[in-house]
PDB file of all heavy atoms in Angstrom:
ATOM      1  N   ASP A   1     -22.950  11.865   3.990  1.00  0.00           N
ATOM      2  CA  ASP A   1     -22.546  11.371   5.315  1.00  0.00           C
ATOM      3  C   ASP A   1     -21.058  11.052   5.350  1.00  0.00           C
ATOM      4  O   ASP A   1     -20.351  11.314   6.334  1.00  0.00           O
ATOM      5  CB  ASP A   1     -23.375  10.121   5.667  1.00  0.00           C
ATOM      6  CG  ASP A   1     -24.841  10.445   5.919  1.00  0.00           C
ATOM      7  OD1 ASP A   1     -25.105  11.651   6.218  1.00  0.00           O
ATOM      8  OD2 ASP A   1     -25.663   9.543   5.853  1.00  0.00           O
ATOM      9  N   ALA A   2     -20.573  10.449   4.247  1.00  0.00           N
ATOM     10  CA  ALA A   2     -19.142  10.097   4.189  1.00  0.00           C
ATOM     11  C   ALA A   2     -18.282  11.360   4.209  1.00  0.00           C
ATOM     12  O   ALA A   2     -17.242  11.426   4.900  1.00  0.00           O
ATOM     13  CB  ALA A   2     -18.858   9.276   2.927  1.00  0.00           C
ATOM     14  N   ALA A   3     -18.729  12.363   3.464  1.00  0.00           N
ATOM     15  CA  ALA A   3     -17.962  13.617   3.441  1.00  0.00           C
ATOM     16  C   ALA A   3     -17.959  14.273   4.810  1.00  0.00           C
ATOM     17  O   ALA A   3     -16.945  14.798   5.280  1.00  0.00           O
ATOM     18  CB  ALA A   3     -18.558  14.556   2.388  1.00  0.00           C
ATOM     19  N   ALA A   4     -19.124  14.219   5.455  1.00  0.00           N
ATOM     20  CA  ALA A   4     -19.213  14.825   6.795  1.00  0.00           C
ATOM     21  C   ALA A   4     -18.333  14.078   7.779  1.00  0.00           C
ATOM     22  O   ALA A   4     -17.678  14.660   8.644  1.00  0.00           O
ATOM     23  CB  ALA A   4     -20.670  14.823   7.265  1.00  0.00           C
ATOM     24  N   SER A   5     -18.320  12.738   7.632  1.00  0.00           N
ATOM     25  CA  SER A   5     -17.471  11.939   8.532  1.00  0.00           C
ATOM     26  C   SER A   5     -15.998  12.233   8.308  1.00  0.00           C
ATOM     27  O   SER A   5     -15.210  12.353   9.263  1.00  0.00           O
ATOM     28  CB  SER A   5     -17.759  10.444   8.294  1.00  0.00           C
ATOM     29  OG  SER A   5     -16.926   9.643   9.111  1.00  0.00           O
ATOM     30  N   ASP A   6     -15.617  12.361   7.009  1.00  0.00           N
ATOM     31  CA  ASP A   6     -14.215  12.692   6.696  1.00  0.00           C
ATOM     32  C   ASP A   6     -13.834  14.054   7.261  1.00  0.00           C
ATOM     33  O   ASP A   6     -12.726  14.235   7.811  1.00  0.00           O
ATOM     34  CB  ASP A   6     -14.012  12.668   5.172  1.00  0.00           C
ATOM     35  CG  ASP A   6     -14.111  11.246   4.613  1.00  0.00           C
ATOM     36  OD1 ASP A   6     -13.966  10.292   5.422  1.00  0.00           O
ATOM     37  OD2 ASP A   6     -14.318  11.132   3.391  1.00  0.00           O
ATOM     38  N   GLN A   7     -14.756  14.997   7.119  1.00  0.00           N
ATOM     39  CA  GLN A   7     -14.480  16.347   7.609  1.00  0.00           C
ATOM     40  C   GLN A   7     -14.346  16.338   9.132  1.00  0.00           C
ATOM     41  O   GLN A   7     -13.471  16.991   9.703  1.00  0.00           O
ATOM     42  CB  GLN A   7     -15.608  17.302   7.180  1.00  0.00           C
ATOM     43  CG  GLN A   7     -15.392  18.739   7.630  1.00  0.00           C
ATOM     44  CD  GLN A   7     -14.173  19.350   6.959  1.00  0.00           C
ATOM     45  OE1 GLN A   7     -13.894  19.075   5.776  1.00  0.00           O
ATOM     46  NE2 GLN A   7     -13.398  20.136   7.709  1.00  0.00           N
ATOM     47  N   LYS A   8     -15.226  15.557   9.776  1.00  0.00           N
ATOM     48  CA  LYS A   8     -15.182  15.473  11.239  1.00  0.00           C
ATOM     49  C   LYS A   8     -13.878  14.853  11.705  1.00  0.00           C
ATOM     50  O   LYS A   8     -13.273  15.300  12.682  1.00  0.00           O
ATOM     51  CB  LYS A   8     -16.373  14.661  11.717  1.00  0.00           C
ATOM     52  CG  LYS A   8     -16.508  14.624  13.233  1.00  0.00           C
ATOM     53  CD  LYS A   8     -17.772  13.872  13.625  1.00  0.00           C
ATOM     54  CE  LYS A   8     -17.920  13.863  15.137  1.00  0.00           C
ATOM     55  NZ  LYS A   8     -19.161  13.130  15.551  1.00  0.00           N
ATOM     56  N   ARG A   9     -13.440  13.790  10.955  1.00  0.00           N
ATOM     57  CA  ARG A   9     -12.184  13.148  11.326  1.00  0.00           C
ATOM     58  C   ARG A   9     -10.996  14.080  11.117  1.00  0.00           C
ATOM     59  O   ARG A   9     -10.067  14.141  11.916  1.00  0.00           O
ATOM     60  CB  ARG A   9     -12.022  11.866  10.492  1.00  0.00           C
ATOM     61  CG  ARG A   9     -10.792  11.039  10.914  1.00  0.00           C
ATOM     62  CD  ARG A   9     -10.837   9.629  10.321  1.00  0.00           C
ATOM     63  NE  ARG A   9     -11.041   9.654   8.894  1.00  0.00           N
ATOM     64  CZ  ARG A   9     -12.161   9.298   8.272  1.00  0.00           C
ATOM     65  NH1 ARG A   9     -13.224   8.901   8.998  1.00  0.00           N
ATOM     66  NH2 ARG A   9     -12.259   9.318   6.947  1.00  0.00           N
ATOM     67  N   ALA A  10     -11.012  14.862  10.039  1.00  0.00           N
ATOM     68  CA  ALA A  10      -9.923  15.819   9.771  1.00  0.00           C
ATOM     69  C   ALA A  10      -9.860  16.901  10.836  1.00  0.00           C
ATOM     70  O   ALA A  10      -8.788  17.291  11.306  1.00  0.00           O
ATOM     71  CB  ALA A  10     -10.115  16.442   8.386  1.00  0.00           C
ATOM     72  N   ASP A  11     -11.072  17.391  11.218  1.00  0.00           N
ATOM     73  CA  ASP A  11     -11.102  18.413  12.268  1.00  0.00           C
ATOM     74  C   ASP A  11     -10.571  17.876  13.590  1.00  0.00           C
ATOM     75  O   ASP A  11      -9.852  18.556  14.332  1.00  0.00           O
ATOM     76  CB  ASP A  11     -12.540  18.921  12.462  1.00  0.00           C
ATOM     77  CG  ASP A  11     -13.038  19.695  11.236  1.00  0.00           C
ATOM     78  OD1 ASP A  11     -12.161  20.129  10.451  1.00  0.00           O
ATOM     79  OD2 ASP A  11     -14.260  19.873  11.107  1.00  0.00           O
ATOM     80  N   SER A  12     -10.921  16.610  13.856  1.00  0.00           N
ATOM     81  CA  SER A  12     -10.458  15.999  15.113  1.00  0.00           C
ATOM     82  C   SER A  12      -8.947  15.855  15.128  1.00  0.00           C
ATOM     83  O   SER A  12      -8.275  16.120  16.123  1.00  0.00           O
ATOM     84  CB  SER A  12     -11.124  14.633  15.299  1.00  0.00           C
ATOM     85  OG  SER A  12     -10.625  13.984  16.453  1.00  0.00           O
ATOM     86  N   GLU A  13      -8.407  15.427  13.972  1.00  0.00           N
ATOM     87  CA  GLU A  13      -6.942  15.283  13.885  1.00  0.00           C
ATOM     88  C   GLU A  13      -6.246  16.634  14.021  1.00  0.00           C
ATOM     89  O   GLU A  13      -5.192  16.746  14.657  1.00  0.00           O
ATOM     90  CB  GLU A  13      -6.571  14.613  12.562  1.00  0.00           C
ATOM     91  CG  GLU A  13      -6.975  13.152  12.496  1.00  0.00           C
ATOM     92  CD  GLU A  13      -6.676  12.549  11.142  1.00  0.00           C
ATOM     93  OE1 GLU A  13      -6.231  13.331  10.253  1.00  0.00           O
ATOM     94  OE2 GLU A  13      -6.863  11.339  10.955  1.00  0.00           O
ATOM     95  N   ALA A  14      -6.837  17.660  13.386  1.00  0.00           N
ATOM     96  CA  ALA A  14      -6.234  18.998  13.471  1.00  0.00           C
ATOM     97  C   ALA A  14      -6.244  19.504  14.901  1.00  0.00           C
ATOM     98  O   ALA A  14      -5.277  20.090  15.387  1.00  0.00           O
ATOM     99  CB  ALA A  14      -7.001  19.966  12.542  1.00  0.00           C
ATOM    100  N   THR A  15      -7.382  19.249  15.597  1.00  0.00           N
ATOM    101  CA  THR A  15      -7.473  19.683  17.001  1.00  0.00           C
ATOM    102  C   THR A  15      -6.472  18.962  17.873  1.00  0.00           C
ATOM    103  O   THR A  15      -5.809  19.536  18.734  1.00  0.00           O
ATOM    104  CB  THR A  15      -8.893  19.444  17.518  1.00  0.00           C
ATOM    105  OG1 THR A  15      -9.828  20.110  16.686  1.00  0.00           O
ATOM    106  CG2 THR A  15      -9.026  19.903  18.964  1.00  0.00           C
ATOM    107  N   THR A  16      -6.335  17.678  17.622  1.00  0.00           N
ATOM    108  CA  THR A  16      -5.391  16.873  18.404  1.00  0.00           C
ATOM    109  C   THR A  16      -3.963  17.318  18.188  1.00  0.00           C
ATOM    110  O   THR A  16      -3.164  17.448  19.117  1.00  0.00           O
ATOM    111  CB  THR A  16      -5.529  15.394  18.042  1.00  0.00           C
ATOM    112  OG1 THR A  16      -6.864  14.978  18.266  1.00  0.00           O
ATOM    113  CG2 THR A  16      -4.580  14.534  18.878  1.00  0.00           C
ATOM    114  N   SER A  17      -3.635  17.592  16.892  1.00  0.00           N
ATOM    115  CA  SER A  17      -2.254  18.007  16.583  1.00  0.00           C
ATOM    116  C   SER A  17      -1.943  19.377  17.162  1.00  0.00           C
ATOM    117  O   SER A  17      -0.831  19.666  17.611  1.00  0.00           O
ATOM    118  CB  SER A  17      -2.027  18.002  15.062  1.00  0.00           C
ATOM    119  OG  SER A  17      -2.902  18.933  14.440  1.00  0.00           O
ATOM    120  N   SER A  18      -2.977  20.269  17.164  1.00  0.00           N
ATOM    121  CA  SER A  18      -2.729  21.615  17.682  1.00  0.00           C
ATOM    122  C   SER A  18      -2.634  21.629  19.198  1.00  0.00           C
ATOM    123  O   SER A  18      -2.027  22.510  19.790  1.00  0.00           O
ATOM    124  CB  SER A  18      -3.839  22.565  17.216  1.00  0.00           C
ATOM    125  OG  SER A  18      -5.077  22.133  17.750  1.00  0.00           O
ATOM    126  N   SER A  19      -3.274  20.672  19.860  1.00  0.00           N
ATOM    127  CA  SER A  19      -3.248  20.642  21.323  1.00  0.00           C
ATOM    128  C   SER A  19      -1.988  20.011  21.885  1.00  0.00           C
ATOM    129  O   SER A  19      -1.754  20.041  23.079  1.00  0.00           O
ATOM    130  CB  SER A  19      -4.488  19.882  21.838  1.00  0.00           C
ATOM    131  OG  SER A  19      -4.451  18.535  21.405  1.00  0.00           O
ATOM    132  N   LYS A  20      -1.186  19.400  21.017  1.00  0.00           N
ATOM    133  CA  LYS A  20       0.061  18.805  21.499  1.00  0.00           C
ATOM    134  C   LYS A  20       1.036  19.902  21.944  1.00  0.00           C
ATOM    135  O   LYS A  20       1.206  20.884  21.237  1.00  0.00           O
ATOM    136  CB  LYS A  20       0.710  17.962  20.399  1.00  0.00           C
ATOM    137  CG  LYS A  20      -0.056  16.684  20.096  1.00  0.00           C
ATOM    138  CD  LYS A  20       0.676  15.881  19.042  1.00  0.00           C
ATOM    139  CE  LYS A  20      -0.074  14.570  18.744  1.00  0.00           C
ATOM    140  NZ  LYS A  20       0.633  13.794  17.703  1.00  0.00           N
ATOM    141  N   PRO A  21       1.650  19.787  23.121  1.00  0.00           N
ATOM    142  CA  PRO A  21       2.612  20.814  23.590  1.00  0.00           C
ATOM    143  C   PRO A  21       3.856  20.840  22.724  1.00  0.00           C
ATOM    144  O   PRO A  21       4.321  19.816  22.232  1.00  0.00           O
ATOM    145  CB  PRO A  21       2.946  20.347  25.022  1.00  0.00           C
ATOM    146  CG  PRO A  21       2.694  18.878  25.016  1.00  0.00           C
ATOM    147  CD  PRO A  21       1.539  18.655  24.060  1.00  0.00           C
ATOM    148  N   GLU A  22       4.330  22.088  22.490  1.00  0.00           N
ATOM    149  CA  GLU A  22       5.551  22.246  21.713  1.00  0.00           C
ATOM    150  C   GLU A  22       6.739  21.715  22.508  1.00  0.00           C
ATOM    151  O   GLU A  22       6.791  21.834  23.729  1.00  0.00           O
ATOM    152  CB  GLU A  22       5.779  23.726  21.383  1.00  0.00           C
ATOM    153  CG  GLU A  22       4.688  24.278  20.484  1.00  0.00           C
ATOM    154  CD  GLU A  22       4.963  25.724  20.149  1.00  0.00           C
ATOM    155  OE1 GLU A  22       5.981  26.251  20.677  1.00  0.00           O
ATOM    156  OE2 GLU A  22       4.214  26.323  19.392  1.00  0.00           O
ATOM    157  N   PRO A  23       7.685  21.142  21.857  1.00  0.00           N
ATOM    158  CA  PRO A  23       8.864  20.596  22.579  1.00  0.00           C
ATOM    159  C   PRO A  23       9.655  21.731  23.228  1.00  0.00           C
ATOM    160  O   PRO A  23       9.898  22.766  22.623  1.00  0.00           O
ATOM    161  CB  PRO A  23       9.670  19.909  21.468  1.00  0.00           C
ATOM    162  CG  PRO A  23       9.204  20.542  20.193  1.00  0.00           C
ATOM    163  CD  PRO A  23       7.774  20.909  20.410  1.00  0.00           C
ATOM    164  N   ARG A  24      10.037  21.608  24.519  1.00  0.00           N
ATOM    165  CA  ARG A  24      10.813  22.609  25.260  1.00  0.00           C
ATOM    166  C   ARG A  24      12.267  22.216  25.340  1.00  0.00           C
ATOM    167  O   ARG A  24      12.598  21.025  25.236  1.00  0.00           O
ATOM    168  CB  ARG A  24      10.245  22.765  26.684  1.00  0.00           C
ATOM    169  CG  ARG A  24       8.861  23.355  26.719  1.00  0.00           C
ATOM    170  CD  ARG A  24       8.380  23.512  28.151  1.00  0.00           C
ATOM    171  NE  ARG A  24       8.260  22.217  28.818  1.00  0.00           N
ATOM    172  CZ  ARG A  24       7.920  22.095  30.095  1.00  0.00           C
ATOM    173  NH1 ARG A  24       7.676  23.187  30.829  1.00  0.00           N
ATOM    174  NH2 ARG A  24       7.817  20.894  30.640  1.00  0.00           N
ATOM    175  N   GLU A  25      13.088  23.261  25.502  1.00  0.00           N
ATOM    176  CA  GLU A  25      14.512  22.987  25.634  1.00  0.00           C
ATOM    177  C   GLU A  25      14.767  22.214  26.925  1.00  0.00           C
ATOM    178  O   GLU A  25      14.115  22.433  27.941  1.00  0.00           O
ATOM    179  CB  GLU A  25      15.305  24.299  25.661  1.00  0.00           C
ATOM    180  CG  GLU A  25      15.218  25.059  24.362  1.00  0.00           C
ATOM    181  CD  GLU A  25      16.062  26.316  24.418  1.00  0.00           C
ATOM    182  OE1 GLU A  25      16.671  26.557  25.477  1.00  0.00           O
ATOM    183  OE2 GLU A  25      16.107  27.040  23.413  1.00  0.00           O
ATOM    184  N   GLU A  26      15.719  21.364  26.860  1.00  0.00           N
ATOM    185  CA  GLU A  26      16.041  20.526  28.017  1.00  0.00           C
ATOM    186  C   GLU A  26      16.651  21.383  29.119  1.00  0.00           C
ATOM    187  O   GLU A  26      17.586  22.149  28.878  1.00  0.00           O
ATOM    188  CB  GLU A  26      17.023  19.428  27.587  1.00  0.00           C
ATOM    189  CG  GLU A  26      17.303  18.429  28.691  1.00  0.00           C
ATOM    190  CD  GLU A  26      18.217  17.312  28.222  1.00  0.00           C
ATOM    191  OE1 GLU A  26      18.535  17.284  27.017  1.00  0.00           O
ATOM    192  OE2 GLU A  26      18.596  16.474  29.051  1.00  0.00           O
ATOM    193  N   HIS A  27      16.179  21.341  30.362  1.00  0.00           N
ATOM    194  CA  HIS A  27      16.638  22.140  31.503  1.00  0.00           C
ATOM    195  C   HIS A  27      17.712  21.377  32.280  1.00  0.00           C
ATOM    196  O   HIS A  27      17.500  20.215  32.653  1.00  0.00           O
ATOM    197  CB  HIS A  27      15.452  22.455  32.418  1.00  0.00           C
ATOM    198  CG  HIS A  27      15.847  23.261  33.619  1.00  0.00           C
ATOM    199  ND1 HIS A  27      16.276  24.567  33.512  1.00  0.00           N
ATOM    200  CD2 HIS A  27      15.863  22.941  34.938  1.00  0.00           C
ATOM    201  CE1 HIS A  27      16.545  25.013  34.725  1.00  0.00           C
ATOM    202  NE2 HIS A  27      16.318  24.042  35.599  1.00  0.00           N
ATOM    203  N   ASP A  28      18.886  22.080  32.518  1.00  0.00           N
ATOM    204  CA  ASP A  28      19.995  21.457  33.240  1.00  0.00           C
ATOM    205  C   ASP A  28      20.117  22.124  34.610  1.00  0.00           C
ATOM    206  O   ASP A  28      20.612  23.243  34.717  1.00  0.00           O
ATOM    207  CB  ASP A  28      21.299  21.625  32.447  1.00  0.00           C
ATOM    208  CG  ASP A  28      22.433  20.848  33.087  1.00  0.00           C
ATOM    209  OD1 ASP A  28      22.248  20.306  34.184  1.00  0.00           O
ATOM    210  OD2 ASP A  28      23.528  20.791  32.478  1.00  0.00           O
ATOM    211  N   PRO A  29      19.679  21.500  35.674  1.00  0.00           N
ATOM    212  CA  PRO A  29      19.749  22.114  37.016  1.00  0.00           C
ATOM    213  C   PRO A  29      21.170  22.438  37.446  1.00  0.00           C
ATOM    214  O   PRO A  29      21.422  23.447  38.092  1.00  0.00           O
ATOM    215  CB  PRO A  29      19.116  21.044  37.918  1.00  0.00           C
ATOM    216  CG  PRO A  29      18.310  20.182  37.012  1.00  0.00           C
ATOM    217  CD  PRO A  29      19.023  20.185  35.703  1.00  0.00           C
TER     218      PRO A  29
END
């Protein structure tokens, strides 16, 4: 159960990190 929980937490962190938008260049109007 502990291993499964650790794996679930790692997958969640990986999903969260991958869903973060990449930083864009600053736009100057």
